[in-house]
Amino acid sequence: MPGIEQTELERYRDRILADARALVERYRAIFDWDVPDIDQREADRLILREIRTALDRIEAALLP
């Protein structure tokens, strides 16, 4: 049986996904402004990799 934290998280799963997609879109737009002829797939890959790195750093700081 899932704990209360897991149950609560499930309520927000779709919102977290939408927020993550919006974050990628935000940085995609910034890349487009800075570099008009950018390779969009490569930019998306780089953005996602940096978001993963940031999440890893946040997790490391929060969890002993």
N, C-alpha and C. Protein backbone atom coordinates (compact mmCIF):
# COMPACT_ATOMS: atom_id res chain seq x y z
N MET A 1 0.84 -1.18 0.00
CA MET A 1 0.00 0.00 0.00
C MET A 1 0.89 1.25 0.00
N PRO A 2 0.63 2.19 -0.93
CA PRO A 2 1.48 3.38 -1.00
C PRO A 2 1.31 4.27 0.22
N GLY A 3 2.41 4.95 0.57
CA GLY A 3 2.36 5.89 1.68
C GLY A 3 1.61 7.15 1.28
N ILE A 4 1.33 7.95 2.26
CA ILE A 4 0.58 9.19 2.01
C ILE A 4 1.32 10.11 1.05
N GLU A 5 2.65 10.10 1.11
CA GLU A 5 3.44 10.94 0.20
C GLU A 5 3.24 10.51 -1.25
N GLN A 6 3.26 9.21 -1.48
CA GLN A 6 3.06 8.68 -2.84
C GLN A 6 1.65 8.99 -3.33
N THR A 7 0.67 8.83 -2.46
CA THR A 7 -0.72 9.13 -2.83
C THR A 7 -0.86 10.60 -3.20
N GLU A 8 -0.26 11.46 -2.40
CA GLU A 8 -0.33 12.90 -2.67
C GLU A 8 0.38 13.24 -3.98
N LEU A 9 1.53 12.62 -4.21
CA LEU A 9 2.28 12.86 -5.44
C LEU A 9 1.46 12.47 -6.67
N GLU A 10 0.75 11.38 -6.60
CA GLU A 10 -0.06 10.93 -7.73
C GLU A 10 -1.11 11.97 -8.13
N ARG A 11 -1.58 12.74 -7.16
CA ARG A 11 -2.55 13.79 -7.45
C ARG A 11 -1.94 14.89 -8.31
N TYR A 12 -0.63 15.05 -8.21
CA TYR A 12 0.04 16.15 -8.90
C TYR A 12 0.89 15.71 -10.09
N ARG A 13 0.88 14.44 -10.41
CA ARG A 13 1.74 13.91 -11.47
C ARG A 13 1.54 14.65 -12.80
N ASP A 14 0.30 14.82 -13.22
CA ASP A 14 0.04 15.50 -14.49
C ASP A 14 0.49 16.95 -14.46
N ARG A 15 0.32 17.60 -13.32
CA ARG A 15 0.75 19.00 -13.20
C ARG A 15 2.26 19.12 -13.26
N ILE A 16 2.96 18.20 -12.61
CA ILE A 16 4.43 18.21 -12.65
C ILE A 16 4.91 18.02 -14.08
N LEU A 17 4.29 17.10 -14.81
CA LEU A 17 4.66 16.88 -16.21
C LEU A 17 4.42 18.13 -17.04
N ALA A 18 3.27 18.76 -16.85
CA ALA A 18 2.97 19.99 -17.60
C ALA A 18 3.97 21.09 -17.27
N ASP A 19 4.32 21.21 -15.99
CA ASP A 19 5.30 22.23 -15.59
C ASP A 19 6.67 21.95 -16.21
N ALA A 20 7.07 20.69 -16.25
CA ALA A 20 8.36 20.32 -16.84
C ALA A 20 8.37 20.64 -18.33
N ARG A 21 7.28 20.32 -19.01
CA ARG A 21 7.19 20.64 -20.45
C ARG A 21 7.26 22.15 -20.67
N ALA A 22 6.58 22.90 -19.81
CA ALA A 22 6.60 24.36 -19.93
C ALA A 22 8.01 24.91 -19.72
N LEU A 23 8.76 24.29 -18.82
CA LEU A 23 10.14 24.72 -18.58
C LEU A 23 10.99 24.50 -19.83
N VAL A 24 10.84 23.35 -20.46
CA VAL A 24 11.57 23.08 -21.71
C VAL A 24 11.17 24.10 -22.77
N GLU A 25 9.88 24.37 -22.89
CA GLU A 25 9.40 25.35 -23.88
C GLU A 25 9.97 26.75 -23.60
N ARG A 26 10.05 27.10 -22.33
CA ARG A 26 10.60 28.41 -21.95
C ARG A 26 12.04 28.56 -22.44
N TYR A 27 12.86 27.55 -22.17
CA TYR A 27 14.26 27.64 -22.58
C TYR A 27 14.42 27.45 -24.08
N ARG A 28 13.53 26.70 -24.71
CA ARG A 28 13.55 26.58 -26.17
C ARG A 28 13.34 27.96 -26.80
N ALA A 29 12.41 28.71 -26.27
CA ALA A 29 12.15 30.05 -26.79
C ALA A 29 13.37 30.95 -26.61
N ILE A 30 14.02 30.85 -25.47
CA ILE A 30 15.22 31.66 -25.22
C ILE A 30 16.32 31.29 -26.23
N PHE A 31 16.51 29.98 -26.47
CA PHE A 31 17.50 29.55 -27.45
C PHE A 31 17.15 30.14 -28.82
N ASP A 32 15.88 30.11 -29.20
CA ASP A 32 15.46 30.63 -30.50
C ASP A 32 15.74 32.11 -30.64
N TRP A 33 15.57 32.87 -29.54
CA TRP A 33 15.84 34.30 -29.60
C TRP A 33 17.32 34.56 -29.78
N ASP A 34 18.14 33.77 -29.10
CA ASP A 34 19.58 33.99 -29.12
C ASP A 34 20.25 33.47 -30.38
N VAL A 35 19.74 32.36 -30.93
CA VAL A 35 20.36 31.72 -32.09
C VAL A 35 19.25 31.36 -33.08
N PRO A 36 18.94 32.25 -34.03
CA PRO A 36 17.80 32.04 -34.92
C PRO A 36 17.84 30.74 -35.75
N ASP A 37 18.99 30.31 -36.19
CA ASP A 37 19.08 29.12 -37.05
C ASP A 37 19.50 27.88 -36.27
N ILE A 38 19.02 27.74 -35.05
CA ILE A 38 19.45 26.66 -34.16
C ILE A 38 18.87 25.31 -34.58
N ASP A 39 19.61 24.27 -34.33
CA ASP A 39 19.12 22.89 -34.50
C ASP A 39 18.22 22.60 -33.30
N GLN A 40 16.92 22.59 -33.52
CA GLN A 40 15.96 22.48 -32.42
C GLN A 40 16.10 21.18 -31.63
N ARG A 41 16.33 20.07 -32.32
CA ARG A 41 16.48 18.79 -31.62
C ARG A 41 17.71 18.79 -30.71
N GLU A 42 18.79 19.36 -31.20
CA GLU A 42 20.00 19.44 -30.38
C GLU A 42 19.78 20.38 -29.20
N ALA A 43 19.12 21.50 -29.44
CA ALA A 43 18.82 22.44 -28.36
C ALA A 43 17.96 21.76 -27.30
N ASP A 44 16.94 21.03 -27.73
CA ASP A 44 16.08 20.31 -26.77
C ASP A 44 16.88 19.31 -25.96
N ARG A 45 17.77 18.59 -26.61
CA ARG A 45 18.60 17.61 -25.92
C ARG A 45 19.47 18.28 -24.86
N LEU A 46 20.06 19.41 -25.22
CA LEU A 46 20.91 20.14 -24.28
C LEU A 46 20.10 20.71 -23.11
N ILE A 47 18.94 21.25 -23.41
CA ILE A 47 18.07 21.78 -22.36
C ILE A 47 17.68 20.67 -21.39
N LEU A 48 17.24 19.54 -21.91
CA LEU A 48 16.83 18.43 -21.05
C LEU A 48 18.00 17.91 -20.21
N ARG A 49 19.17 17.84 -20.81
CA ARG A 49 20.34 17.37 -20.06
C ARG A 49 20.65 18.34 -18.91
N GLU A 50 20.54 19.63 -19.16
CA GLU A 50 20.83 20.61 -18.12
C GLU A 50 19.77 20.58 -17.02
N ILE A 51 18.52 20.37 -17.38
CA ILE A 51 17.45 20.23 -16.38
C ILE A 51 17.71 19.00 -15.51
N ARG A 52 18.12 17.89 -16.13
CA ARG A 52 18.45 16.69 -15.34
C ARG A 52 19.60 16.95 -14.38
N THR A 53 20.62 17.66 -14.86
CA THR A 53 21.76 18.00 -14.01
C THR A 53 21.30 18.87 -12.84
N ALA A 54 20.46 19.85 -13.12
CA ALA A 54 19.95 20.72 -12.05
C ALA A 54 19.14 19.91 -11.04
N LEU A 55 18.31 19.00 -11.51
CA LEU A 55 17.52 18.16 -10.59
C LEU A 55 18.42 17.28 -9.75
N ASP A 56 19.47 16.73 -10.35
CA ASP A 56 20.43 15.92 -9.59
C ASP A 56 21.09 16.75 -8.50
N ARG A 57 21.45 17.98 -8.81
CA ARG A 57 22.09 18.86 -7.82
C ARG A 57 21.12 19.20 -6.69
N ILE A 58 19.88 19.46 -7.04
CA ILE A 58 18.87 19.76 -6.02
C ILE A 58 18.66 18.55 -5.13
N GLU A 59 18.55 17.37 -5.73
CA GLU A 59 18.36 16.15 -4.96
C GLU A 59 19.53 15.90 -4.02
N ALA A 60 20.74 16.10 -4.51
CA ALA A 60 21.92 15.90 -3.67
C ALA A 60 21.94 16.87 -2.48
N ALA A 61 21.46 18.07 -2.70
CA ALA A 61 21.45 19.06 -1.62
C ALA A 61 20.36 18.77 -0.59
N LEU A 62 19.26 18.15 -1.02
CA LEU A 62 18.13 17.91 -0.13
C LEU A 62 18.23 16.59 0.64
N LEU A 63 18.83 15.61 0.00
CA LEU A 63 18.87 14.28 0.61
C LEU A 63 20.27 13.96 1.11
N PRO A 64 20.36 13.48 2.34
CA PRO A 64 21.69 13.16 2.89
C PRO A 64 22.31 11.96 2.20
